[in-house]
Amino acid sequence: MFTLEQIETLEQVIKKSRFIAVAGPISGESAAKAFVAAHSDPAANHNCWAWRVGQTYRFNDDGEPSGTAGKPILQAMDRLQLDNVAVVVTRWFGGVLLGSGGLIRAYGGTAAACLRAATLVGVVAVREVTIAAAFSDLALVKARLAGIGSVHIQSETFTETGAIIKALLPEAMVQQIAQTLTDATSGRVQITLPLG
């Protein structure tokens, strides 16, 4: 699975209608709704969109015939195996009717061209882990975590004897990282692994 590195825009004219696609990374459903609102033009004839976050997705034809705009935009995203992405394709009608097939090609094609122009980055599956370390081991634990790519420390709470660290670890490396921390602290660190 991939997501976009940054927002990408592409414009094209198809049979006198102007289409502008804006695609960008999103973090969740509320971010998707904000993206659609921010990149829709109320002066345009249609602002059609689609977004996907994991197994959750939505699309909208915004007044175009059913299935001719939002779904082709979503299909363009799915063909590139994109996740955490929203796309808005805005159309200004140019006076020439495109028909259902023409609309599907125009919306899906504009979205696909925009997505192909964007820089894709791999999505790394992560798991939340809780790490309890004594003050004497804390610097070592944090140094080991910092030396591993794709580790994100969410929070660090201090206790009387040390700290509780909540971290996001790459799912494929959870067991390996846990073993590394256990070995480095001679078993003194307590790691609560996620279920599953």
N, C-alpha and C. Protein backbone atom coordinates (compact mmCIF):
# COMPACT_ATOMS: atom_id res chain seq x y z
N MET A 1 0.84 -1.18 0.00
CA MET A 1 0.00 0.00 0.00
C MET A 1 0.88 1.25 0.00
N PHE A 2 0.34 2.29 -0.61
CA PHE A 2 1.07 3.55 -0.72
C PHE A 2 0.16 4.70 -0.32
N THR A 3 0.77 5.82 0.00
CA THR A 3 0.05 7.07 0.17
C THR A 3 0.82 8.13 -0.61
N LEU A 4 0.35 9.36 -0.58
CA LEU A 4 1.02 10.44 -1.30
C LEU A 4 1.94 11.20 -0.36
N GLU A 5 3.06 11.64 -0.89
CA GLU A 5 4.01 12.42 -0.09
C GLU A 5 3.46 13.81 0.22
N GLN A 6 2.78 14.39 -0.78
CA GLN A 6 2.25 15.75 -0.64
C GLN A 6 1.08 15.94 -1.59
N ILE A 7 0.46 17.11 -1.52
CA ILE A 7 -0.68 17.41 -2.40
C ILE A 7 -0.19 17.57 -3.84
N GLU A 8 -0.95 17.01 -4.77
CA GLU A 8 -0.63 17.09 -6.20
C GLU A 8 -1.87 17.64 -6.91
N THR A 9 -1.64 18.48 -7.94
CA THR A 9 -2.74 19.06 -8.72
C THR A 9 -2.48 18.84 -10.20
N LEU A 10 -3.55 18.58 -10.95
CA LEU A 10 -3.43 18.40 -12.40
C LEU A 10 -4.68 18.98 -13.06
N GLU A 11 -4.49 19.68 -14.15
CA GLU A 11 -5.61 20.28 -14.88
C GLU A 11 -5.60 19.80 -16.32
N GLN A 12 -6.79 19.52 -16.86
CA GLN A 12 -6.90 19.21 -18.28
C GLN A 12 -8.26 19.64 -18.80
N VAL A 13 -8.31 19.89 -20.10
CA VAL A 13 -9.56 20.27 -20.76
C VAL A 13 -9.98 19.12 -21.65
N ILE A 14 -11.23 18.67 -21.45
CA ILE A 14 -11.77 17.55 -22.23
C ILE A 14 -13.08 18.04 -22.85
N LYS A 15 -13.10 18.13 -24.20
CA LYS A 15 -14.27 18.59 -24.94
C LYS A 15 -14.87 19.87 -24.34
N LYS A 16 -14.01 20.84 -24.15
CA LYS A 16 -14.35 22.18 -23.66
C LYS A 16 -14.67 22.27 -22.17
N SER A 17 -14.77 21.12 -21.48
CA SER A 17 -14.96 21.16 -20.02
C SER A 17 -13.60 21.17 -19.36
N ARG A 18 -13.46 21.99 -18.33
CA ARG A 18 -12.19 22.08 -17.60
C ARG A 18 -12.27 21.20 -16.35
N PHE A 19 -11.29 20.34 -16.19
CA PHE A 19 -11.22 19.44 -15.03
C PHE A 19 -9.93 19.74 -14.26
N ILE A 20 -10.06 19.90 -12.94
CA ILE A 20 -8.88 20.04 -12.08
C ILE A 20 -8.97 18.98 -11.00
N ALA A 21 -7.93 18.16 -10.91
CA ALA A 21 -7.85 17.14 -9.86
C ALA A 21 -6.86 17.60 -8.80
N VAL A 22 -7.24 17.44 -7.54
CA VAL A 22 -6.35 17.71 -6.41
C VAL A 22 -6.34 16.44 -5.57
N ALA A 23 -5.16 15.88 -5.35
CA ALA A 23 -5.02 14.67 -4.55
C ALA A 23 -4.05 14.93 -3.42
N GLY A 24 -4.32 14.32 -2.26
CA GLY A 24 -3.42 14.54 -1.14
C GLY A 24 -3.54 13.48 -0.07
N PRO A 25 -2.53 13.42 0.80
CA PRO A 25 -2.57 12.46 1.91
C PRO A 25 -3.51 12.93 3.00
N ILE A 26 -4.18 11.99 3.65
CA ILE A 26 -5.08 12.30 4.76
C ILE A 26 -4.81 11.32 5.90
N SER A 27 -5.21 11.71 7.11
CA SER A 27 -4.94 10.85 8.26
C SER A 27 -6.17 10.12 8.76
N GLY A 28 -7.35 10.50 8.31
CA GLY A 28 -8.57 9.85 8.78
C GLY A 28 -9.80 10.47 8.14
N GLU A 29 -10.97 10.02 8.60
CA GLU A 29 -12.23 10.47 8.00
C GLU A 29 -12.45 11.97 8.14
N SER A 30 -12.16 12.53 9.32
CA SER A 30 -12.37 13.97 9.49
C SER A 30 -11.41 14.77 8.61
N ALA A 31 -10.17 14.26 8.45
CA ALA A 31 -9.21 14.93 7.55
C ALA A 31 -9.67 14.84 6.10
N ALA A 32 -10.30 13.72 5.75
CA ALA A 32 -10.82 13.55 4.38
C ALA A 32 -11.92 14.58 4.10
N LYS A 33 -12.83 14.73 5.06
CA LYS A 33 -13.92 15.71 4.88
C LYS A 33 -13.37 17.12 4.79
N ALA A 34 -12.36 17.43 5.60
CA ALA A 34 -11.74 18.76 5.55
C ALA A 34 -11.04 18.98 4.22
N PHE A 35 -10.37 17.94 3.69
CA PHE A 35 -9.68 18.04 2.40
C PHE A 35 -10.68 18.33 1.29
N VAL A 36 -11.79 17.58 1.27
CA VAL A 36 -12.81 17.77 0.24
C VAL A 36 -13.37 19.19 0.33
N ALA A 37 -13.67 19.66 1.53
CA ALA A 37 -14.22 21.01 1.69
C ALA A 37 -13.22 22.08 1.24
N ALA A 38 -11.94 21.87 1.57
CA ALA A 38 -10.91 22.86 1.25
C ALA A 38 -10.61 22.94 -0.24
N HIS A 39 -10.79 21.82 -0.97
CA HIS A 39 -10.39 21.80 -2.38
C HIS A 39 -11.58 21.78 -3.34
N SER A 40 -12.79 21.97 -2.84
CA SER A 40 -13.96 22.10 -3.70
C SER A 40 -14.16 23.57 -4.03
N ASP A 41 -14.59 23.84 -5.25
CA ASP A 41 -14.83 25.21 -5.69
C ASP A 41 -16.34 25.42 -5.84
N PRO A 42 -16.95 26.24 -4.99
CA PRO A 42 -18.39 26.43 -5.07
C PRO A 42 -18.85 27.05 -6.40
N ALA A 43 -17.95 27.68 -7.12
CA ALA A 43 -18.31 28.30 -8.40
C ALA A 43 -18.31 27.29 -9.55
N ALA A 44 -17.79 26.09 -9.31
CA ALA A 44 -17.72 25.06 -10.35
C ALA A 44 -19.07 24.36 -10.48
N ASN A 45 -19.25 23.67 -11.62
CA ASN A 45 -20.48 22.91 -11.83
C ASN A 45 -20.53 21.66 -10.93
N HIS A 46 -19.39 20.97 -10.80
CA HIS A 46 -19.35 19.73 -10.02
C HIS A 46 -18.02 19.61 -9.28
N ASN A 47 -18.09 19.18 -8.02
CA ASN A 47 -16.91 18.85 -7.22
C ASN A 47 -17.07 17.39 -6.80
N CYS A 48 -16.54 16.47 -7.60
CA CYS A 48 -16.69 15.05 -7.34
C CYS A 48 -15.45 14.56 -6.60
N TRP A 49 -15.63 13.58 -5.72
CA TRP A 49 -14.51 13.20 -4.88
C TRP A 49 -14.59 11.75 -4.45
N ALA A 50 -13.44 11.27 -3.94
CA ALA A 50 -13.35 9.94 -3.33
C ALA A 50 -12.21 9.97 -2.34
N TRP A 51 -12.31 9.14 -1.31
CA TRP A 51 -11.22 8.99 -0.36
C TRP A 51 -11.23 7.59 0.22
N ARG A 52 -10.07 7.15 0.69
CA ARG A 52 -9.94 5.84 1.31
C ARG A 52 -8.99 5.95 2.50
N VAL A 53 -9.44 5.36 3.63
CA VAL A 53 -8.61 5.21 4.83
C VAL A 53 -8.81 3.77 5.28
N GLY A 54 -7.85 2.91 4.99
CA GLY A 54 -7.98 1.50 5.32
C GLY A 54 -9.15 0.89 4.58
N GLN A 55 -10.04 0.23 5.32
CA GLN A 55 -11.21 -0.40 4.70
C GLN A 55 -12.38 0.58 4.54
N THR A 56 -12.24 1.79 5.05
CA THR A 56 -13.30 2.80 4.95
C THR A 56 -13.07 3.67 3.73
N TYR A 57 -14.11 3.83 2.92
CA TYR A 57 -14.00 4.70 1.75
C TYR A 57 -15.35 5.36 1.48
N ARG A 58 -15.28 6.48 0.80
CA ARG A 58 -16.49 7.19 0.38
C ARG A 58 -16.21 7.81 -0.98
N PHE A 59 -17.30 8.02 -1.75
CA PHE A 59 -17.17 8.76 -3.01
C PHE A 59 -18.49 9.46 -3.28
N ASN A 60 -18.43 10.51 -4.13
CA ASN A 60 -19.60 11.32 -4.38
C ASN A 60 -19.56 11.84 -5.81
N ASP A 61 -20.72 11.75 -6.49
CA ASP A 61 -20.82 12.20 -7.88
C ASP A 61 -21.22 13.67 -8.01
N ASP A 62 -21.63 14.31 -6.93
CA ASP A 62 -21.99 15.73 -6.90
C ASP A 62 -22.84 16.17 -8.09
N GLY A 63 -23.92 15.45 -8.33
CA GLY A 63 -24.85 15.87 -9.38
C GLY A 63 -24.61 15.26 -10.75
N GLU A 64 -23.47 14.65 -10.97
CA GLU A 64 -23.24 13.94 -12.23
C GLU A 64 -24.06 12.64 -12.18
N PRO A 65 -24.35 12.02 -13.33
CA PRO A 65 -25.10 10.76 -13.30
C PRO A 65 -24.42 9.73 -12.38
N SER A 66 -25.22 8.98 -11.67
CA SER A 66 -24.72 8.03 -10.67
C SER A 66 -23.65 7.09 -11.25
N GLY A 67 -22.55 6.99 -10.55
CA GLY A 67 -21.48 6.07 -10.95
C GLY A 67 -20.52 6.59 -12.00
N THR A 68 -20.67 7.85 -12.42
CA THR A 68 -19.82 8.36 -13.51
C THR A 68 -18.66 9.22 -13.05
N ALA A 69 -18.58 9.51 -11.74
CA ALA A 69 -17.52 10.42 -11.29
C ALA A 69 -16.80 9.91 -10.05
N GLY A 70 -17.50 9.81 -8.92
CA GLY A 70 -16.86 9.41 -7.68
C GLY A 70 -16.26 8.02 -7.73
N LYS A 71 -17.02 7.06 -8.26
CA LYS A 71 -16.52 5.68 -8.32
C LYS A 71 -15.30 5.55 -9.23
N PRO A 72 -15.28 6.17 -10.42
CA PRO A 72 -14.05 6.11 -11.23
C PRO A 72 -12.84 6.75 -10.55
N ILE A 73 -13.06 7.78 -9.74
CA ILE A 73 -11.96 8.41 -9.00
C ILE A 73 -11.43 7.40 -7.97
N LEU A 74 -12.34 6.73 -7.24
CA LEU A 74 -11.93 5.71 -6.26
C LEU A 74 -11.19 4.56 -6.95
N GLN A 75 -11.67 4.15 -8.11
CA GLN A 75 -11.02 3.06 -8.85
C GLN A 75 -9.61 3.45 -9.29
N ALA A 76 -9.40 4.72 -9.63
CA ALA A 76 -8.06 5.18 -10.00
C ALA A 76 -7.12 5.08 -8.80
N MET A 77 -7.64 5.39 -7.60
CA MET A 77 -6.84 5.26 -6.38
C MET A 77 -6.52 3.79 -6.10
N ASP A 78 -7.54 2.94 -6.22
CA ASP A 78 -7.35 1.52 -5.92
C ASP A 78 -6.39 0.83 -6.88
N ARG A 79 -6.40 1.25 -8.14
CA ARG A 79 -5.45 0.65 -9.12
C ARG A 79 -4.01 0.90 -8.71
N LEU A 80 -3.75 2.01 -8.03
CA LEU A 80 -2.39 2.33 -7.57
C LEU A 80 -2.14 1.87 -6.12
N GLN A 81 -3.10 1.13 -5.56
CA GLN A 81 -3.01 0.61 -4.18
C GLN A 81 -2.75 1.74 -3.18
N LEU A 82 -3.56 2.80 -3.27
CA LEU A 82 -3.38 3.96 -2.40
C LEU A 82 -4.27 3.85 -1.17
N ASP A 83 -3.74 4.31 -0.05
CA ASP A 83 -4.47 4.35 1.21
C ASP A 83 -4.19 5.70 1.86
N ASN A 84 -5.11 6.15 2.70
CA ASN A 84 -4.98 7.46 3.35
C ASN A 84 -4.81 8.58 2.32
N VAL A 85 -5.67 8.54 1.32
CA VAL A 85 -5.62 9.51 0.22
C VAL A 85 -7.03 10.00 -0.10
N ALA A 86 -7.13 11.30 -0.42
CA ALA A 86 -8.38 11.89 -0.91
C ALA A 86 -8.10 12.55 -2.25
N VAL A 87 -9.11 12.51 -3.14
CA VAL A 87 -9.00 13.15 -4.46
C VAL A 87 -10.30 13.90 -4.73
N VAL A 88 -10.16 15.16 -5.14
CA VAL A 88 -11.30 15.97 -5.57
C VAL A 88 -11.06 16.32 -7.04
N VAL A 89 -12.05 16.02 -7.89
CA VAL A 89 -11.98 16.43 -9.30
C VAL A 89 -13.11 17.42 -9.53
N THR A 90 -12.73 18.64 -9.87
CA THR A 90 -13.68 19.73 -10.08
C THR A 90 -13.87 19.94 -11.57
N ARG A 91 -15.14 20.11 -11.99
CA ARG A 91 -15.45 20.29 -13.41
C ARG A 91 -16.22 21.59 -13.63
N TRP A 92 -15.75 22.33 -14.62
CA TRP A 92 -16.48 23.49 -15.14
C TRP A 92 -17.01 23.07 -16.50
N PHE A 93 -18.33 23.02 -16.65
CA PHE A 93 -18.96 22.54 -17.88
C PHE A 93 -18.64 23.46 -19.05
N GLY A 94 -18.25 22.85 -20.18
CA GLY A 94 -17.86 23.64 -21.35
C GLY A 94 -18.87 23.66 -22.46
N GLY A 95 -20.06 23.08 -22.24
CA GLY A 95 -21.11 23.15 -23.25
C GLY A 95 -21.26 21.89 -24.09
N VAL A 96 -20.33 20.93 -23.98
CA VAL A 96 -20.42 19.70 -24.76
C VAL A 96 -20.73 18.55 -23.79
N LEU A 97 -21.84 17.85 -24.05
CA LEU A 97 -22.20 16.70 -23.21
C LEU A 97 -21.23 15.55 -23.49
N LEU A 98 -20.75 14.92 -22.42
CA LEU A 98 -19.76 13.85 -22.57
C LEU A 98 -20.39 12.46 -22.57
N GLY A 99 -21.63 12.33 -22.09
CA GLY A 99 -22.25 11.02 -21.98
C GLY A 99 -21.64 10.25 -20.80
N SER A 100 -22.29 9.17 -20.40
CA SER A 100 -21.83 8.40 -19.23
C SER A 100 -20.41 7.89 -19.41
N GLY A 101 -20.13 7.27 -20.54
CA GLY A 101 -18.78 6.73 -20.79
C GLY A 101 -17.73 7.83 -20.81
N GLY A 102 -18.08 8.96 -21.41
CA GLY A 102 -17.15 10.08 -21.47
C GLY A 102 -16.87 10.66 -20.08
N LEU A 103 -17.91 10.72 -19.24
CA LEU A 103 -17.72 11.23 -17.88
C LEU A 103 -16.83 10.28 -17.07
N ILE A 104 -17.07 8.98 -17.20
CA ILE A 104 -16.26 8.00 -16.48
C ILE A 104 -14.80 8.14 -16.88
N ARG A 105 -14.55 8.24 -18.18
CA ARG A 105 -13.16 8.40 -18.67
C ARG A 105 -12.56 9.73 -18.23
N ALA A 106 -13.36 10.80 -18.25
CA ALA A 106 -12.85 12.13 -17.89
C ALA A 106 -12.50 12.20 -16.40
N TYR A 107 -13.42 11.80 -15.54
CA TYR A 107 -13.16 11.87 -14.10
C TYR A 107 -12.09 10.86 -13.68
N GLY A 108 -12.25 9.62 -14.10
CA GLY A 108 -11.27 8.59 -13.74
C GLY A 108 -9.90 8.89 -14.33
N GLY A 109 -9.89 9.36 -15.58
CA GLY A 109 -8.62 9.66 -16.25
C GLY A 109 -7.91 10.86 -15.64
N THR A 110 -8.66 11.90 -15.29
CA THR A 110 -8.05 13.08 -14.66
C THR A 110 -7.48 12.71 -13.29
N ALA A 111 -8.25 11.93 -12.51
CA ALA A 111 -7.75 11.49 -11.20
C ALA A 111 -6.51 10.62 -11.36
N ALA A 112 -6.54 9.68 -12.31
CA ALA A 112 -5.41 8.77 -12.52
C ALA A 112 -4.16 9.53 -12.95
N ALA A 113 -4.32 10.50 -13.86
CA ALA A 113 -3.16 11.30 -14.32
C ALA A 113 -2.56 12.09 -13.16
N CYS A 114 -3.42 12.65 -12.32
CA CYS A 114 -2.95 13.40 -11.15
C CYS A 114 -2.20 12.48 -10.20
N LEU A 115 -2.74 11.30 -9.91
CA LEU A 115 -2.11 10.36 -8.99
C LEU A 115 -0.79 9.82 -9.54
N ARG A 116 -0.74 9.60 -10.86
CA ARG A 116 0.53 9.12 -11.47
C ARG A 116 1.61 10.19 -11.39
N ALA A 117 1.22 11.47 -11.38
CA ALA A 117 2.19 12.56 -11.30
C ALA A 117 2.70 12.77 -9.86
N ALA A 118 1.97 12.24 -8.90
CA ALA A 118 2.32 12.43 -7.48
C ALA A 118 3.45 11.50 -7.06
N THR A 119 4.15 11.89 -6.01
CA THR A 119 5.19 11.06 -5.42
C THR A 119 4.54 10.14 -4.40
N LEU A 120 4.70 8.83 -4.61
CA LEU A 120 4.11 7.84 -3.72
C LEU A 120 5.13 7.43 -2.66
N VAL A 121 4.63 7.16 -1.45
CA VAL A 121 5.48 6.64 -0.38
C VAL A 121 4.79 5.42 0.22
N GLY A 122 5.58 4.45 0.63
CA GLY A 122 5.03 3.22 1.20
C GLY A 122 4.41 3.47 2.56
N VAL A 123 3.32 2.77 2.83
CA VAL A 123 2.66 2.85 4.13
C VAL A 123 3.17 1.69 4.98
N VAL A 124 3.71 2.00 6.15
CA VAL A 124 4.24 0.99 7.05
C VAL A 124 3.21 0.72 8.13
N ALA A 125 2.79 -0.54 8.26
CA ALA A 125 1.85 -0.91 9.33
C ALA A 125 2.57 -0.83 10.67
N VAL A 126 1.91 -0.23 11.66
CA VAL A 126 2.54 -0.06 12.97
C VAL A 126 1.66 -0.65 14.06
N ARG A 127 2.28 -0.95 15.21
CA ARG A 127 1.58 -1.42 16.41
C ARG A 127 2.01 -0.56 17.58
N GLU A 128 1.07 -0.28 18.47
CA GLU A 128 1.42 0.48 19.68
C GLU A 128 1.95 -0.48 20.73
N VAL A 129 3.05 -0.10 21.36
CA VAL A 129 3.70 -0.90 22.38
C VAL A 129 3.95 -0.01 23.60
N THR A 130 3.80 -0.58 24.79
CA THR A 130 4.11 0.15 26.02
C THR A 130 5.40 -0.42 26.60
N ILE A 131 6.35 0.46 26.90
CA ILE A 131 7.66 0.06 27.40
C ILE A 131 7.88 0.74 28.75
N ALA A 132 8.11 -0.07 29.79
CA ALA A 132 8.41 0.46 31.12
C ALA A 132 9.89 0.23 31.38
N ALA A 133 10.62 1.33 31.63
CA ALA A 133 12.07 1.24 31.85
C ALA A 133 12.44 2.02 33.10
N ALA A 134 13.38 1.47 33.85
CA ALA A 134 13.92 2.17 35.02
C ALA A 134 14.78 3.33 34.54
N PHE A 135 14.98 4.32 35.41
CA PHE A 135 15.81 5.47 35.04
C PHE A 135 17.20 5.03 34.57
N SER A 136 17.75 3.98 35.19
CA SER A 136 19.10 3.52 34.82
C SER A 136 19.16 2.97 33.39
N ASP A 137 18.02 2.53 32.84
CA ASP A 137 17.99 1.96 31.48
C ASP A 137 17.36 2.90 30.45
N LEU A 138 16.79 3.99 30.91
CA LEU A 138 15.99 4.85 30.03
C LEU A 138 16.78 5.40 28.84
N ALA A 139 17.97 5.92 29.08
CA ALA A 139 18.77 6.48 27.99
C ALA A 139 19.11 5.40 26.96
N LEU A 140 19.45 4.20 27.43
CA LEU A 140 19.79 3.09 26.54
C LEU A 140 18.57 2.68 25.70
N VAL A 141 17.41 2.56 26.33
CA VAL A 141 16.19 2.18 25.62
C VAL A 141 15.85 3.22 24.54
N LYS A 142 15.90 4.50 24.91
CA LYS A 142 15.59 5.56 23.95
C LYS A 142 16.60 5.60 22.80
N ALA A 143 17.86 5.35 23.10
CA ALA A 143 18.89 5.32 22.06
C ALA A 143 18.65 4.17 21.09
N ARG A 144 18.29 2.99 21.61
CA ARG A 144 17.99 1.84 20.73
C ARG A 144 16.78 2.11 19.86
N LEU A 145 15.74 2.70 20.45
CA LEU A 145 14.55 3.03 19.66
C LEU A 145 14.87 4.05 18.57
N ALA A 146 15.69 5.04 18.91
CA ALA A 146 16.05 6.08 17.94
C ALA A 146 16.86 5.51 16.77
N GLY A 147 17.58 4.42 17.03
CA GLY A 147 18.40 3.80 15.99
C GLY A 147 17.63 2.93 15.02
N ILE A 148 16.34 2.74 15.27
CA ILE A 148 15.51 1.89 14.42
C ILE A 148 14.63 2.80 13.57
N GLY A 149 14.59 2.58 12.28
CA GLY A 149 13.74 3.38 11.40
C GLY A 149 12.27 3.14 11.65
N SER A 150 11.45 4.11 11.40
CA SER A 150 9.99 4.04 11.48
C SER A 150 9.46 3.85 12.89
N VAL A 151 10.22 4.19 13.92
CA VAL A 151 9.73 4.15 15.30
C VAL A 151 9.29 5.56 15.67
N HIS A 152 8.11 5.66 16.27
CA HIS A 152 7.59 6.96 16.67
C HIS A 152 7.18 6.89 18.14
N ILE A 153 7.84 7.67 19.00
CA ILE A 153 7.48 7.71 20.41
C ILE A 153 6.31 8.68 20.56
N GLN A 154 5.17 8.13 21.03
CA GLN A 154 3.96 8.93 21.18
C GLN A 154 3.96 9.71 22.48
N SER A 155 4.38 9.04 23.57
CA SER A 155 4.38 9.72 24.86
C SER A 155 5.40 9.09 25.79
N GLU A 156 5.79 9.87 26.78
CA GLU A 156 6.74 9.41 27.79
C GLU A 156 6.25 9.96 29.13
N THR A 157 5.86 9.06 30.04
CA THR A 157 5.34 9.45 31.33
C THR A 157 6.30 8.96 32.41
N PHE A 158 6.69 9.86 33.29
CA PHE A 158 7.65 9.49 34.34
C PHE A 158 6.92 8.96 35.57
N THR A 159 7.52 7.94 36.17
CA THR A 159 7.03 7.36 37.42
C THR A 159 8.10 7.59 38.49
N GLU A 160 7.90 7.02 39.68
CA GLU A 160 8.89 7.18 40.76
C GLU A 160 10.20 6.48 40.43
N THR A 161 10.12 5.41 39.63
CA THR A 161 11.32 4.59 39.38
C THR A 161 11.85 4.69 37.96
N GLY A 162 11.09 5.30 37.07
CA GLY A 162 11.53 5.35 35.67
C GLY A 162 10.52 6.03 34.78
N ALA A 163 10.28 5.43 33.62
CA ALA A 163 9.35 6.03 32.66
C ALA A 163 8.55 4.96 31.94
N ILE A 164 7.36 5.36 31.50
CA ILE A 164 6.50 4.52 30.66
C ILE A 164 6.48 5.19 29.29
N ILE A 165 6.93 4.46 28.28
CA ILE A 165 6.98 4.99 26.91
C ILE A 165 5.92 4.28 26.09
N LYS A 166 5.10 5.06 25.42
CA LYS A 166 4.18 4.50 24.42
C LYS A 166 4.79 4.81 23.07
N ALA A 167 5.00 3.76 22.27
CA ALA A 167 5.66 3.94 20.98
C ALA A 167 4.93 3.18 19.89
N LEU A 168 5.00 3.70 18.68
CA LEU A 168 4.51 2.99 17.50
C LEU A 168 5.71 2.34 16.83
N LEU A 169 5.66 1.02 16.70
CA LEU A 169 6.75 0.26 16.08
C LEU A 169 6.27 -0.35 14.78
N PRO A 170 7.19 -0.51 13.81
CA PRO A 170 6.80 -1.21 12.57
C PRO A 170 6.31 -2.61 12.94
N GLU A 171 5.12 -2.96 12.48
CA GLU A 171 4.49 -4.23 12.85
C GLU A 171 5.38 -5.43 12.56
N ALA A 172 6.08 -5.40 11.46
CA ALA A 172 6.93 -6.54 11.07
C ALA A 172 8.13 -6.70 11.99
N MET A 173 8.45 -5.67 12.79
CA MET A 173 9.66 -5.71 13.62
C MET A 173 9.37 -5.71 15.12
N VAL A 174 8.10 -5.80 15.54
CA VAL A 174 7.75 -5.69 16.96
C VAL A 174 8.51 -6.71 17.80
N GLN A 175 8.46 -7.97 17.43
CA GLN A 175 9.12 -9.02 18.22
C GLN A 175 10.63 -8.81 18.27
N GLN A 176 11.21 -8.46 17.14
CA GLN A 176 12.66 -8.24 17.06
C GLN A 176 13.09 -7.05 17.95
N ILE A 177 12.33 -5.97 17.91
CA ILE A 177 12.64 -4.79 18.73
C ILE A 177 12.49 -5.12 20.21
N ALA A 178 11.43 -5.85 20.56
CA ALA A 178 11.23 -6.26 21.95
C ALA A 178 12.41 -7.08 22.44
N GLN A 179 12.88 -8.00 21.62
CA GLN A 179 14.02 -8.84 22.00
C GLN A 179 15.29 -8.00 22.15
N THR A 180 15.49 -7.05 21.26
CA THR A 180 16.66 -6.16 21.32
C THR A 180 16.67 -5.37 22.63
N LEU A 181 15.51 -4.80 22.99
CA LEU A 181 15.43 -4.02 24.23
C LEU A 181 15.61 -4.91 25.46
N THR A 182 15.04 -6.10 25.43
CA THR A 182 15.19 -7.04 26.55
C THR A 182 16.65 -7.43 26.73
N ASP A 183 17.31 -7.75 25.63
CA ASP A 183 18.73 -8.13 25.68
C ASP A 183 19.59 -6.97 26.16
N ALA A 184 19.32 -5.76 25.66
CA ALA A 184 20.14 -4.60 25.99
C ALA A 184 20.05 -4.24 27.48
N THR A 185 18.91 -4.54 28.11
CA THR A 185 18.72 -4.18 29.53
C THR A 185 18.79 -5.41 30.44
N SER A 186 19.27 -6.50 29.93
CA SER A 186 19.36 -7.76 30.69
C SER A 186 18.01 -8.14 31.30
N GLY A 187 16.94 -7.89 30.54
CA GLY A 187 15.61 -8.29 30.96
C GLY A 187 14.92 -7.34 31.92
N ARG A 188 15.51 -6.22 32.23
CA ARG A 188 14.91 -5.28 33.20
C ARG A 188 13.75 -4.48 32.61
N VAL A 189 13.74 -4.28 31.31
CA VAL A 189 12.67 -3.51 30.68
C VAL A 189 11.41 -4.36 30.60
N GLN A 190 10.25 -3.74 30.81
CA GLN A 190 8.98 -4.44 30.68
C GLN A 190 8.28 -3.93 29.43
N ILE A 191 7.96 -4.86 28.53
CA ILE A 191 7.34 -4.48 27.26
C ILE A 191 5.98 -5.15 27.18
N THR A 192 4.96 -4.33 26.97
CA THR A 192 3.61 -4.85 26.78
C THR A 192 3.35 -4.85 25.29
N LEU A 193 3.31 -6.05 24.71
CA LEU A 193 3.09 -6.18 23.29
C LEU A 193 1.61 -6.16 22.97
N PRO A 194 1.26 -5.70 21.80
CA PRO A 194 -0.15 -5.71 21.40
C PRO A 194 -0.64 -7.14 21.22
N LEU A 195 -1.94 -7.33 21.36
CA LEU A 195 -2.50 -8.65 21.12
C LEU A 195 -2.47 -8.95 19.63
N GLY A 196 -2.29 -10.20 19.28
CA GLY A 196 -2.34 -10.60 17.88
C GLY A 196 -1.02 -10.77 17.24
